Amino acid sequence: MIQVSDSARKELEAYFEGKERSGIRIYVAPSGCSGSRLALALDEANDNDATGEAAGFTFAIEKTLLEQIKSVSIDLTYMGFTVEPEQALPAEEGSPCGSCCSSCGSCGEH
């Protein structure tokens, strides 16, 4: 269900050093022009979640989301954590750019 790279595990361990480890939620976050993406947040599981242990941490993900994406891989880059689904997130309706063309620079470049 969840795979965590060594670099991501080390970053999580460093974050929780001296603190009680809480649950980590995998969720869909809006991401502007590039559409939705998966992200991480500190949160405990609820009745609508599937939970899993990986690299010594407890992760929660909404059951319906997990059914769609099958599994996730968590890694660390110079820009932070990346959470990549096995199956792509469902496409959003309409243009991924919407009304933000002035900031993404793709307006009129079809």
N, C-alpha and C. Protein backbone atom coordinates (compact mmCIF):
# COMPACT_ATOMS: atom_id res chain seq x y z
N MET A 1 0.82 -1.19 0.00
CA MET A 1 0.00 0.00 0.00
C MET A 1 0.87 1.26 0.00
N ILE A 2 1.88 1.33 0.88
CA ILE A 2 2.70 2.53 1.00
C ILE A 2 4.17 2.12 1.02
N GLN A 3 4.95 2.78 0.18
CA GLN A 3 6.39 2.58 0.16
C GLN A 3 7.06 3.92 0.49
N VAL A 4 8.05 3.88 1.37
CA VAL A 4 8.75 5.09 1.78
C VAL A 4 10.23 4.92 1.47
N SER A 5 10.80 5.86 0.73
CA SER A 5 12.22 5.79 0.40
C SER A 5 13.06 6.05 1.65
N ASP A 6 14.32 5.66 1.60
CA ASP A 6 15.23 5.89 2.73
C ASP A 6 15.35 7.37 3.05
N SER A 7 15.44 8.21 2.01
CA SER A 7 15.59 9.65 2.26
C SER A 7 14.32 10.23 2.90
N ALA A 8 13.15 9.78 2.48
CA ALA A 8 11.91 10.25 3.09
C ALA A 8 11.81 9.76 4.54
N ARG A 9 12.18 8.50 4.77
CA ARG A 9 12.16 7.96 6.13
C ARG A 9 13.06 8.78 7.05
N LYS A 10 14.27 9.09 6.60
CA LYS A 10 15.21 9.87 7.41
C LYS A 10 14.66 11.26 7.72
N GLU A 11 14.01 11.88 6.75
CA GLU A 11 13.43 13.21 6.97
C GLU A 11 12.28 13.14 7.98
N LEU A 12 11.43 12.12 7.88
CA LEU A 12 10.36 11.95 8.85
C LEU A 12 10.91 11.68 10.24
N GLU A 13 11.93 10.84 10.32
CA GLU A 13 12.55 10.57 11.63
C GLU A 13 13.14 11.84 12.23
N ALA A 14 13.78 12.66 11.41
CA ALA A 14 14.36 13.92 11.89
C ALA A 14 13.25 14.86 12.38
N TYR A 15 12.14 14.91 11.67
CA TYR A 15 11.03 15.77 12.07
C TYR A 15 10.47 15.35 13.42
N PHE A 16 10.30 14.05 13.63
CA PHE A 16 9.68 13.56 14.85
C PHE A 16 10.68 13.35 15.99
N GLU A 17 11.94 13.63 15.78
CA GLU A 17 12.95 13.44 16.84
C GLU A 17 12.57 14.27 18.06
N GLY A 18 12.44 13.60 19.20
CA GLY A 18 12.07 14.25 20.45
C GLY A 18 10.58 14.53 20.58
N LYS A 19 9.79 14.11 19.60
CA LYS A 19 8.34 14.31 19.63
C LYS A 19 7.65 12.96 19.55
N GLU A 20 6.40 12.93 20.01
CA GLU A 20 5.60 11.72 19.85
C GLU A 20 5.19 11.61 18.37
N ARG A 21 5.33 10.43 17.81
CA ARG A 21 4.95 10.22 16.41
C ARG A 21 3.43 10.20 16.28
N SER A 22 2.94 11.08 15.45
CA SER A 22 1.50 11.10 15.19
C SER A 22 1.24 10.45 13.84
N GLY A 23 -0.04 10.28 13.52
CA GLY A 23 -0.41 9.71 12.24
C GLY A 23 -0.11 10.69 11.11
N ILE A 24 0.09 10.16 9.92
CA ILE A 24 0.36 10.97 8.74
C ILE A 24 -0.70 10.64 7.70
N ARG A 25 -1.40 11.68 7.24
CA ARG A 25 -2.45 11.50 6.25
C ARG A 25 -1.90 11.74 4.85
N ILE A 26 -2.32 10.89 3.92
CA ILE A 26 -2.08 11.07 2.50
C ILE A 26 -3.40 11.57 1.92
N TYR A 27 -3.37 12.74 1.28
CA TYR A 27 -4.62 13.34 0.79
C TYR A 27 -4.40 14.02 -0.55
N VAL A 28 -5.51 14.37 -1.21
CA VAL A 28 -5.45 15.08 -2.48
C VAL A 28 -5.45 16.57 -2.19
N ALA A 29 -4.41 17.25 -2.67
CA ALA A 29 -4.28 18.69 -2.49
C ALA A 29 -4.40 19.38 -3.84
N PRO A 30 -5.10 20.51 -3.90
CA PRO A 30 -5.14 21.25 -5.16
C PRO A 30 -3.75 21.80 -5.45
N SER A 31 -3.43 21.88 -6.75
CA SER A 31 -2.07 22.31 -7.09
C SER A 31 -2.05 23.29 -8.25
N GLY A 32 -3.04 24.18 -8.31
CA GLY A 32 -3.05 25.22 -9.32
C GLY A 32 -3.08 24.68 -10.73
N CYS A 33 -2.24 25.23 -11.58
CA CYS A 33 -2.25 24.92 -13.02
C CYS A 33 -1.96 23.46 -13.31
N SER A 34 -1.23 22.78 -12.45
CA SER A 34 -0.86 21.40 -12.74
C SER A 34 -1.89 20.40 -12.25
N GLY A 35 -3.00 20.86 -11.71
CA GLY A 35 -4.05 19.96 -11.24
C GLY A 35 -3.79 19.48 -9.82
N SER A 36 -4.53 18.49 -9.41
CA SER A 36 -4.40 17.95 -8.05
C SER A 36 -3.17 17.07 -7.92
N ARG A 37 -2.71 16.93 -6.69
CA ARG A 37 -1.56 16.08 -6.40
C ARG A 37 -1.78 15.48 -5.01
N LEU A 38 -1.04 14.44 -4.71
CA LEU A 38 -1.09 13.86 -3.37
C LEU A 38 -0.11 14.58 -2.48
N ALA A 39 -0.48 14.73 -1.22
CA ALA A 39 0.36 15.42 -0.24
C ALA A 39 0.26 14.72 1.11
N LEU A 40 1.08 15.17 2.07
CA LEU A 40 1.11 14.61 3.42
C LEU A 40 0.72 15.68 4.44
N ALA A 41 0.06 15.26 5.50
CA ALA A 41 -0.27 16.14 6.61
C ALA A 41 -0.33 15.31 7.89
N LEU A 42 -0.08 15.94 9.01
CA LEU A 42 -0.22 15.26 10.29
C LEU A 42 -1.70 15.15 10.61
N ASP A 43 -2.19 13.94 10.81
CA ASP A 43 -3.60 13.73 11.09
C ASP A 43 -3.79 12.27 11.49
N GLU A 44 -4.76 12.05 12.36
CA GLU A 44 -5.08 10.70 12.78
C GLU A 44 -6.15 10.09 11.87
N ALA A 45 -6.17 8.79 11.79
CA ALA A 45 -7.14 8.07 10.96
C ALA A 45 -8.54 8.20 11.53
N ASN A 46 -9.53 8.07 10.63
CA ASN A 46 -10.92 8.03 11.06
C ASN A 46 -11.59 6.82 10.42
N ASP A 47 -12.90 6.68 10.60
CA ASP A 47 -13.61 5.50 10.12
C ASP A 47 -13.60 5.34 8.60
N ASN A 48 -13.39 6.41 7.86
CA ASN A 48 -13.40 6.36 6.40
C ASN A 48 -12.03 6.04 5.81
N ASP A 49 -11.06 5.77 6.67
CA ASP A 49 -9.68 5.59 6.22
C ASP A 49 -9.21 4.15 6.26
N ALA A 50 -8.26 3.88 5.38
CA ALA A 50 -7.44 2.68 5.47
C ALA A 50 -6.14 3.14 6.11
N THR A 51 -5.53 2.29 6.92
CA THR A 51 -4.27 2.66 7.54
C THR A 51 -3.21 1.62 7.20
N GLY A 52 -1.98 2.07 7.22
CA GLY A 52 -0.87 1.17 6.95
C GLY A 52 0.39 1.65 7.63
N GLU A 53 1.24 0.71 7.96
CA GLU A 53 2.53 1.02 8.56
C GLU A 53 3.60 0.92 7.48
N ALA A 54 4.51 1.89 7.49
CA ALA A 54 5.64 1.86 6.57
C ALA A 54 6.77 2.65 7.19
N ALA A 55 7.95 2.07 7.18
CA ALA A 55 9.17 2.72 7.70
C ALA A 55 9.01 3.20 9.14
N GLY A 56 8.17 2.52 9.91
CA GLY A 56 7.99 2.88 11.31
C GLY A 56 6.96 3.98 11.56
N PHE A 57 6.19 4.35 10.53
CA PHE A 57 5.19 5.40 10.64
C PHE A 57 3.82 4.85 10.26
N THR A 58 2.77 5.45 10.83
CA THR A 58 1.40 5.06 10.52
C THR A 58 0.81 6.08 9.57
N PHE A 59 0.33 5.58 8.42
CA PHE A 59 -0.26 6.44 7.40
C PHE A 59 -1.75 6.14 7.30
N ALA A 60 -2.53 7.19 7.04
CA ALA A 60 -3.97 7.06 6.82
C ALA A 60 -4.29 7.63 5.45
N ILE A 61 -5.19 6.96 4.74
CA ILE A 61 -5.64 7.44 3.44
C ILE A 61 -7.10 7.06 3.30
N GLU A 62 -7.90 7.97 2.77
CA GLU A 62 -9.32 7.69 2.59
C GLU A 62 -9.48 6.43 1.74
N LYS A 63 -10.35 5.54 2.16
CA LYS A 63 -10.53 4.24 1.49
C LYS A 63 -10.86 4.40 0.01
N THR A 64 -11.75 5.33 -0.33
CA THR A 64 -12.12 5.51 -1.74
C THR A 64 -10.95 6.02 -2.57
N LEU A 65 -10.11 6.87 -2.00
CA LEU A 65 -8.92 7.34 -2.71
C LEU A 65 -7.96 6.19 -2.93
N LEU A 66 -7.75 5.38 -1.92
CA LEU A 66 -6.84 4.23 -2.05
C LEU A 66 -7.33 3.26 -3.13
N GLU A 67 -8.64 3.05 -3.21
CA GLU A 67 -9.18 2.18 -4.26
C GLU A 67 -8.84 2.72 -5.65
N GLN A 68 -8.84 4.04 -5.80
CA GLN A 68 -8.54 4.66 -7.09
C GLN A 68 -7.06 4.59 -7.46
N ILE A 69 -6.19 4.80 -6.48
CA ILE A 69 -4.76 4.92 -6.79
C ILE A 69 -3.96 3.66 -6.50
N LYS A 70 -4.54 2.70 -5.81
CA LYS A 70 -3.95 1.39 -5.49
C LYS A 70 -2.85 1.44 -4.43
N SER A 71 -1.80 2.23 -4.63
CA SER A 71 -0.72 2.35 -3.64
C SER A 71 0.02 3.65 -3.90
N VAL A 72 0.90 4.02 -2.96
CA VAL A 72 1.68 5.25 -3.11
C VAL A 72 3.14 5.01 -2.76
N SER A 73 3.99 5.82 -3.38
CA SER A 73 5.42 5.84 -3.07
C SER A 73 5.76 7.24 -2.59
N ILE A 74 6.40 7.31 -1.42
CA ILE A 74 6.77 8.60 -0.84
C ILE A 74 8.28 8.74 -0.93
N ASP A 75 8.72 9.86 -1.45
CA ASP A 75 10.15 10.13 -1.61
C ASP A 75 10.42 11.56 -1.17
N LEU A 76 11.68 11.93 -1.16
CA LEU A 76 12.08 13.27 -0.78
C LEU A 76 12.96 13.84 -1.88
N THR A 77 12.65 15.07 -2.30
CA THR A 77 13.47 15.77 -3.28
C THR A 77 13.92 17.08 -2.64
N TYR A 78 14.67 17.88 -3.38
CA TYR A 78 15.11 19.16 -2.86
C TYR A 78 13.93 20.10 -2.61
N MET A 79 12.77 19.80 -3.19
CA MET A 79 11.58 20.63 -2.99
C MET A 79 10.64 20.09 -1.93
N GLY A 80 11.00 18.99 -1.28
CA GLY A 80 10.15 18.41 -0.25
C GLY A 80 9.70 17.02 -0.60
N PHE A 81 8.66 16.56 0.09
CA PHE A 81 8.14 15.22 -0.14
C PHE A 81 7.40 15.14 -1.46
N THR A 82 7.55 14.02 -2.14
CA THR A 82 6.72 13.71 -3.30
C THR A 82 5.93 12.46 -2.96
N VAL A 83 4.66 12.46 -3.31
CA VAL A 83 3.78 11.33 -3.03
C VAL A 83 3.19 10.93 -4.38
N GLU A 84 3.67 9.82 -4.91
CA GLU A 84 3.30 9.38 -6.25
C GLU A 84 2.36 8.17 -6.18
N PRO A 85 1.20 8.28 -6.83
CA PRO A 85 0.26 7.15 -6.84
C PRO A 85 0.67 6.11 -7.88
N GLU A 86 0.30 4.85 -7.61
CA GLU A 86 0.50 3.78 -8.60
C GLU A 86 -0.39 4.03 -9.82
N GLN A 87 -1.65 4.34 -9.57
CA GLN A 87 -2.60 4.70 -10.63
C GLN A 87 -2.81 6.21 -10.56
N ALA A 88 -2.84 6.87 -11.70
CA ALA A 88 -3.00 8.32 -11.75
C ALA A 88 -4.29 8.77 -11.08
N LEU A 89 -4.25 9.98 -10.53
CA LEU A 89 -5.46 10.58 -9.97
C LEU A 89 -6.45 10.81 -11.10
N PRO A 90 -7.75 10.72 -10.82
CA PRO A 90 -8.75 10.96 -11.86
C PRO A 90 -8.57 12.37 -12.43
N ALA A 91 -8.73 12.51 -13.76
CA ALA A 91 -8.58 13.81 -14.42
C ALA A 91 -9.68 14.75 -13.97
N GLU A 92 -9.33 16.02 -13.87
CA GLU A 92 -10.31 17.03 -13.50
C GLU A 92 -11.03 17.51 -14.74
N GLU A 93 -12.23 18.03 -14.55
CA GLU A 93 -13.03 18.56 -15.66
C GLU A 93 -12.39 19.85 -16.18
N GLY A 94 -12.46 20.06 -17.50
CA GLY A 94 -12.00 21.31 -18.10
C GLY A 94 -10.50 21.42 -18.15
N SER A 95 -10.06 22.61 -18.49
CA SER A 95 -8.63 22.89 -18.62
C SER A 95 -7.95 22.87 -17.26
N PRO A 96 -6.78 22.27 -17.15
CA PRO A 96 -6.08 22.29 -15.86
C PRO A 96 -5.64 23.69 -15.51
N CYS A 97 -5.59 24.59 -16.48
CA CYS A 97 -5.14 25.95 -16.21
C CYS A 97 -6.27 26.83 -15.71
N GLY A 98 -7.48 26.60 -16.15
CA GLY A 98 -8.62 27.38 -15.70
C GLY A 98 -8.41 28.86 -15.92
N SER A 99 -8.59 29.66 -14.88
CA SER A 99 -8.46 31.11 -15.01
C SER A 99 -7.10 31.61 -14.56
N CYS A 100 -6.15 30.75 -14.33
CA CYS A 100 -4.85 31.19 -13.81
C CYS A 100 -3.82 31.37 -14.92
N CYS A 101 -4.26 31.50 -16.16
CA CYS A 101 -3.35 31.55 -17.29
C CYS A 101 -2.25 32.60 -17.14
N SER A 102 -2.56 33.69 -16.48
CA SER A 102 -1.55 34.74 -16.36
C SER A 102 -0.35 34.29 -15.54
N SER A 103 -0.56 33.33 -14.63
CA SER A 103 0.56 32.90 -13.80
C SER A 103 1.30 31.70 -14.36
N CYS A 104 0.62 30.88 -15.20
CA CYS A 104 1.30 29.69 -15.70
C CYS A 104 1.86 29.90 -17.10
N GLY A 105 1.44 30.97 -17.77
CA GLY A 105 2.01 31.30 -19.06
C GLY A 105 1.56 30.44 -20.21
N SER A 106 0.54 29.60 -20.03
CA SER A 106 0.15 28.72 -21.12
C SER A 106 -1.07 29.23 -21.87
N CYS A 107 -1.61 30.38 -21.50
CA CYS A 107 -2.79 30.91 -22.16
C CYS A 107 -2.51 31.21 -23.62
N GLY A 108 -3.33 30.69 -24.49
CA GLY A 108 -3.18 30.94 -25.92
C GLY A 108 -2.08 30.12 -26.57
N GLU A 109 -1.47 29.18 -25.86
CA GLU A 109 -0.38 28.37 -26.41
C GLU A 109 -0.87 26.96 -26.67
N HIS A 110 -1.95 26.80 -27.38
CA HIS A 110 -2.53 25.47 -27.59
C HIS A 110 -1.93 24.79 -28.72
